[in-house]
Every structure is written in C-alpha cells, then in structure tokens.
N, C-alpha and C. Protein backbone atom coordinates (compact mmCIF):
# COMPACT_ATOMS: atom_id res chain seq x y z
N UNK A 1 133.24 61.35 79.88
CA UNK A 1 133.10 62.20 78.72
C UNK A 1 133.26 61.42 77.43
N UNK A 2 133.41 60.10 77.55
CA UNK A 2 133.55 59.29 76.35
C UNK A 2 132.26 59.21 75.55
N UNK A 3 131.13 59.43 76.19
CA UNK A 3 129.87 59.35 75.45
C UNK A 3 129.72 60.50 74.45
N UNK A 4 130.43 61.61 74.66
CA UNK A 4 130.35 62.74 73.73
C UNK A 4 131.20 62.52 72.49
N UNK A 5 132.08 61.57 72.50
CA UNK A 5 132.96 61.37 71.34
C UNK A 5 132.20 60.80 70.15
N UNK A 6 131.04 60.19 70.38
CA UNK A 6 130.27 59.62 69.29
C UNK A 6 129.32 60.61 68.64
N UNK A 7 129.24 61.84 69.12
CA UNK A 7 128.33 62.85 68.56
C UNK A 7 129.00 63.54 67.39
N UNK A 8 128.24 63.74 66.33
CA UNK A 8 128.74 64.44 65.15
C UNK A 8 129.00 65.90 65.52
N UNK A 9 130.19 66.44 65.25
CA UNK A 9 130.51 67.82 65.63
C UNK A 9 129.61 68.87 64.97
N UNK A 10 128.99 68.54 63.85
CA UNK A 10 128.12 69.52 63.19
C UNK A 10 126.79 69.66 63.95
N UNK A 11 126.48 68.74 64.84
CA UNK A 11 125.24 68.81 65.63
C UNK A 11 125.40 69.61 66.92
N UNK A 12 126.62 69.90 67.32
CA UNK A 12 126.85 70.60 68.59
C UNK A 12 126.19 71.98 68.66
N UNK A 13 126.22 72.79 67.58
CA UNK A 13 125.50 74.08 67.69
C UNK A 13 124.00 73.90 67.88
N UNK A 14 123.42 72.88 67.26
CA UNK A 14 121.99 72.64 67.43
C UNK A 14 121.66 72.19 68.85
N UNK A 15 122.55 71.39 69.41
CA UNK A 15 122.35 70.97 70.79
C UNK A 15 122.44 72.17 71.73
N UNK A 16 123.38 73.08 71.46
CA UNK A 16 123.51 74.29 72.27
C UNK A 16 122.28 75.18 72.16
N UNK A 17 121.75 75.32 70.94
CA UNK A 17 120.55 76.14 70.74
C UNK A 17 119.36 75.50 71.46
N UNK A 18 119.24 74.19 71.39
CA UNK A 18 118.14 73.50 72.08
C UNK A 18 118.24 73.69 73.59
N UNK A 19 119.43 73.61 74.13
CA UNK A 19 119.60 73.83 75.57
C UNK A 19 119.26 75.26 75.96
N UNK A 20 119.66 76.22 75.12
CA UNK A 20 119.35 77.62 75.40
C UNK A 20 117.84 77.86 75.33
N UNK A 21 117.16 77.28 74.34
CA UNK A 21 115.71 77.43 74.24
C UNK A 21 115.00 76.76 75.40
N UNK A 22 115.53 75.63 75.85
CA UNK A 22 114.95 74.95 76.99
C UNK A 22 115.06 75.81 78.25
N UNK A 23 116.21 76.42 78.46
CA UNK A 23 116.39 77.31 79.62
C UNK A 23 115.48 78.53 79.52
N UNK A 24 115.38 79.12 78.33
CA UNK A 24 114.50 80.29 78.15
C UNK A 24 113.05 79.89 78.35
N UNK A 25 112.66 78.73 77.84
CA UNK A 25 111.28 78.26 78.02
C UNK A 25 110.94 78.04 79.48
N UNK A 26 111.87 77.46 80.23
CA UNK A 26 111.64 77.25 81.66
C UNK A 26 111.50 78.59 82.38
N UNK A 27 112.31 79.57 81.99
CA UNK A 27 112.23 80.91 82.59
C UNK A 27 110.88 81.55 82.29
N UNK A 28 110.43 81.48 81.05
CA UNK A 28 109.16 82.09 80.66
C UNK A 28 107.99 81.39 81.35
N UNK A 29 108.01 80.07 81.38
CA UNK A 29 106.93 79.33 82.03
C UNK A 29 106.90 79.65 83.53
N UNK A 30 108.05 79.75 84.15
CA UNK A 30 108.10 80.12 85.57
C UNK A 30 107.52 81.50 85.82
N UNK A 31 107.82 82.46 84.94
CA UNK A 31 107.28 83.81 85.09
C UNK A 31 105.77 83.82 84.89
N UNK A 32 105.30 83.10 83.87
CA UNK A 32 103.86 83.07 83.59
C UNK A 32 103.12 82.42 84.76
N UNK A 33 103.67 81.36 85.32
CA UNK A 33 103.02 80.72 86.46
C UNK A 33 102.95 81.64 87.67
N UNK A 34 103.97 82.48 87.87
CA UNK A 34 103.94 83.45 88.96
C UNK A 34 102.81 84.46 88.77
N UNK A 35 102.67 84.96 87.53
CA UNK A 35 101.64 85.96 87.24
C UNK A 35 100.25 85.35 87.40
N UNK A 36 100.05 84.16 86.82
CA UNK A 36 98.74 83.51 86.91
C UNK A 36 98.42 83.18 88.37
N UNK A 37 99.41 82.71 89.12
CA UNK A 37 99.20 82.42 90.53
C UNK A 37 98.82 83.66 91.32
N UNK A 38 99.41 84.81 90.99
CA UNK A 38 99.05 86.06 91.67
C UNK A 38 97.62 86.46 91.40
N UNK A 39 97.19 86.35 90.13
CA UNK A 39 95.81 86.69 89.80
C UNK A 39 94.82 85.73 90.47
N UNK A 40 95.17 84.44 90.51
CA UNK A 40 94.29 83.48 91.17
C UNK A 40 94.23 83.74 92.67
N UNK A 41 95.34 84.17 93.26
CA UNK A 41 95.34 84.53 94.69
C UNK A 41 94.37 85.67 94.96
N UNK A 42 94.41 86.68 94.13
CA UNK A 42 93.50 87.82 94.30
C UNK A 42 92.06 87.38 94.12
N UNK A 43 91.80 86.59 93.08
CA UNK A 43 90.44 86.15 92.77
C UNK A 43 89.86 85.31 93.90
N UNK A 44 90.62 84.32 94.37
CA UNK A 44 90.11 83.45 95.41
C UNK A 44 90.17 84.10 96.79
N UNK A 45 90.91 85.19 96.93
CA UNK A 45 90.93 85.93 98.18
C UNK A 45 89.57 86.52 98.51
N UNK A 46 88.86 86.98 97.48
CA UNK A 46 87.52 87.52 97.70
C UNK A 46 86.57 86.44 98.21
N UNK A 47 86.67 85.24 97.64
CA UNK A 47 85.82 84.15 98.10
C UNK A 47 86.19 83.74 99.52
N UNK A 48 87.46 83.80 99.85
CA UNK A 48 87.90 83.44 101.19
C UNK A 48 87.30 84.39 102.23
N UNK A 49 87.28 85.68 101.93
CA UNK A 49 86.68 86.65 102.85
C UNK A 49 85.19 86.36 103.02
N UNK A 50 84.52 86.07 101.92
CA UNK A 50 83.08 85.79 101.98
C UNK A 50 82.80 84.56 102.83
N UNK A 51 83.56 83.49 102.64
CA UNK A 51 83.32 82.27 103.40
C UNK A 51 83.73 82.42 104.86
N UNK A 52 84.71 83.25 105.17
CA UNK A 52 85.05 83.50 106.57
C UNK A 52 83.92 84.24 107.27
N UNK A 53 83.26 85.12 106.55
CA UNK A 53 82.11 85.83 107.14
C UNK A 53 81.00 84.83 107.44
N UNK A 54 80.76 83.91 106.51
CA UNK A 54 79.69 82.94 106.71
C UNK A 54 79.99 81.99 107.86
N UNK A 55 81.23 81.67 108.10
CA UNK A 55 81.59 80.71 109.14
C UNK A 55 81.82 81.35 110.49
N UNK A 56 81.79 82.67 110.58
CA UNK A 56 82.16 83.35 111.81
C UNK A 56 81.14 83.31 112.90
N UNK A 57 79.87 83.15 112.61
CA UNK A 57 78.84 83.19 113.64
C UNK A 57 78.23 84.58 113.73
N UNK A 58 77.22 84.74 114.59
CA UNK A 58 76.49 86.02 114.61
C UNK A 58 77.27 87.18 115.22
N UNK A 59 78.19 86.93 116.12
CA UNK A 59 78.90 88.02 116.78
C UNK A 59 80.24 88.29 116.12
N UNK A 60 80.93 87.25 115.72
CA UNK A 60 82.30 87.40 115.24
C UNK A 60 82.39 88.17 113.93
N UNK A 61 81.35 88.15 113.11
CA UNK A 61 81.48 88.81 111.83
C UNK A 61 80.76 90.15 111.75
N UNK A 62 80.45 90.74 112.89
CA UNK A 62 79.81 92.06 112.87
C UNK A 62 80.75 93.11 112.25
N UNK A 63 82.04 93.02 112.59
CA UNK A 63 83.00 93.94 111.99
C UNK A 63 83.09 93.76 110.48
N UNK A 64 83.01 92.52 110.02
CA UNK A 64 83.03 92.25 108.58
C UNK A 64 81.79 92.80 107.92
N UNK A 65 80.66 92.71 108.62
CA UNK A 65 79.42 93.25 108.08
C UNK A 65 79.52 94.78 107.93
N UNK A 66 80.13 95.43 108.91
CA UNK A 66 80.35 96.87 108.82
C UNK A 66 81.27 97.19 107.64
N UNK A 67 82.31 96.36 107.44
CA UNK A 67 83.21 96.56 106.32
C UNK A 67 82.47 96.41 104.99
N UNK A 68 81.61 95.40 104.89
CA UNK A 68 80.86 95.20 103.64
C UNK A 68 79.93 96.37 103.39
N UNK A 69 79.21 96.82 104.43
CA UNK A 69 78.33 97.98 104.26
C UNK A 69 79.12 99.24 103.92
N UNK A 70 80.33 99.36 104.48
CA UNK A 70 81.18 100.49 104.13
C UNK A 70 81.59 100.47 102.67
N UNK A 71 81.94 99.29 102.16
CA UNK A 71 82.29 99.17 100.74
C UNK A 71 81.09 99.47 99.86
N UNK A 72 79.91 98.98 100.25
CA UNK A 72 78.70 99.26 99.49
C UNK A 72 78.40 100.75 99.52
N UNK A 73 78.60 101.38 100.68
CA UNK A 73 78.37 102.82 100.79
C UNK A 73 79.33 103.62 99.92
N UNK A 74 80.60 103.22 99.88
CA UNK A 74 81.56 103.91 99.02
C UNK A 74 81.21 103.74 97.55
N UNK A 75 80.81 102.54 97.17
CA UNK A 75 80.41 102.30 95.78
C UNK A 75 79.16 103.12 95.45
N UNK A 76 78.22 103.19 96.39
CA UNK A 76 77.02 104.01 96.16
C UNK A 76 77.34 105.49 96.02
N UNK A 77 78.29 105.97 96.84
CA UNK A 77 78.68 107.37 96.75
C UNK A 77 79.33 107.68 95.40
N UNK A 78 80.19 106.78 94.94
CA UNK A 78 80.82 106.97 93.63
C UNK A 78 79.77 106.95 92.53
N UNK A 79 78.82 106.01 92.61
CA UNK A 79 77.74 105.94 91.61
C UNK A 79 76.91 107.22 91.65
N UNK A 80 76.64 107.72 92.85
CA UNK A 80 75.87 108.95 92.99
C UNK A 80 76.61 110.13 92.36
N UNK A 81 77.91 110.23 92.60
CA UNK A 81 78.67 111.35 92.05
C UNK A 81 78.74 111.28 90.53
N UNK A 82 78.85 110.06 89.98
CA UNK A 82 78.88 109.92 88.53
C UNK A 82 77.55 110.33 87.91
N UNK A 83 76.45 109.96 88.55
CA UNK A 83 75.14 110.33 88.03
C UNK A 83 74.80 111.79 88.32
N UNK A 84 75.33 112.32 89.42
CA UNK A 84 75.03 113.71 89.77
C UNK A 84 75.62 114.66 88.74
N UNK A 85 76.79 114.35 88.23
CA UNK A 85 77.40 115.26 87.26
C UNK A 85 76.61 115.28 85.96
N UNK A 86 76.01 114.17 85.59
CA UNK A 86 75.20 114.12 84.36
C UNK A 86 73.88 114.83 84.58
N UNK A 87 73.22 114.58 85.71
CA UNK A 87 71.91 115.18 85.93
C UNK A 87 72.01 116.67 86.25
N UNK A 88 73.15 117.12 86.76
CA UNK A 88 73.30 118.54 87.04
C UNK A 88 73.41 119.36 85.76
N UNK A 89 73.84 118.74 84.69
CA UNK A 89 73.90 119.44 83.41
C UNK A 89 72.48 119.69 82.91
N UNK A 90 71.61 118.70 83.07
CA UNK A 90 70.23 118.83 82.60
C UNK A 90 69.37 119.67 83.54
N UNK A 91 69.51 119.45 84.85
CA UNK A 91 68.69 120.13 85.85
C UNK A 91 69.58 120.78 86.90
N UNK A 92 70.09 121.97 86.66
CA UNK A 92 70.96 122.62 87.65
C UNK A 92 70.14 123.04 88.88
N UNK A 93 70.62 122.71 90.06
CA UNK A 93 69.96 123.06 91.33
C UNK A 93 71.01 123.63 92.28
N UNK A 94 70.56 124.04 93.45
CA UNK A 94 71.49 124.52 94.48
C UNK A 94 72.40 123.39 94.93
N UNK A 95 71.88 122.18 94.98
CA UNK A 95 72.69 121.04 95.38
C UNK A 95 73.87 120.85 94.44
N UNK A 96 73.67 121.08 93.16
CA UNK A 96 74.76 120.97 92.19
C UNK A 96 75.83 122.03 92.45
N UNK A 97 75.39 123.23 92.85
CA UNK A 97 76.36 124.27 93.15
C UNK A 97 77.15 123.94 94.40
N UNK A 98 76.53 123.29 95.38
CA UNK A 98 77.26 122.88 96.60
C UNK A 98 78.34 121.87 96.27
N UNK A 99 78.03 120.96 95.34
CA UNK A 99 79.02 119.96 94.94
C UNK A 99 80.07 120.51 93.98
N UNK A 100 79.82 121.70 93.45
CA UNK A 100 80.74 122.30 92.51
C UNK A 100 80.59 121.76 91.10
N UNK A 101 79.39 121.27 90.79
CA UNK A 101 79.15 120.72 89.45
C UNK A 101 78.46 121.71 88.60
C-alpha cells in the first residue's frame, strides 16, 4: 500500500468517480452485447433453417417443405382477410356476410 502514499489526496474523489464510471460502462456494454447477440441469433436462425433444408436431401426435408408451405398459407390467409375487409366495403356479397364483414 506504499504506492498510494504518493497520490495527491485531492485526486482520490476523481479516481473513485473514474472507477465507478468504468464499472457502469462495463455493465452497459455487457447489456448491449447481450441484446445485440439475441437479435443476431434470431436473424441468423432464419438462415440456419433455410440452409438445413437445402442440405437435407430430397426425403429428409419434406416436413420442412410442409412447414414452409404452411407458413406461406397462413401469410396468404392473413393477406386475404386484410384485403377482404376492404373489398367487402366496396362490393358487399354473401361471402362477406359469411365472414362477418
């Protein structure tokens, strides 16, 4: 502890503030890296699924193909319902009444 005897006592609060800011900065950077890593995991997860389908062969990825067509079908159904509500206002039909629009 002899090395601390040469430090000017008026500098000790500044050294304490610097240490506190360093600890806070490390905490913030660690949190930001966790968040960015999570988003990158999600983003590259989609590519991983796509490349696994390509590498699976003709039989192994049939289930994945059904999953992809299911997702496309759900997206198409949502798109259809969004457009159906707009077109039913302009052209009311029996089909619009069945959907409750």
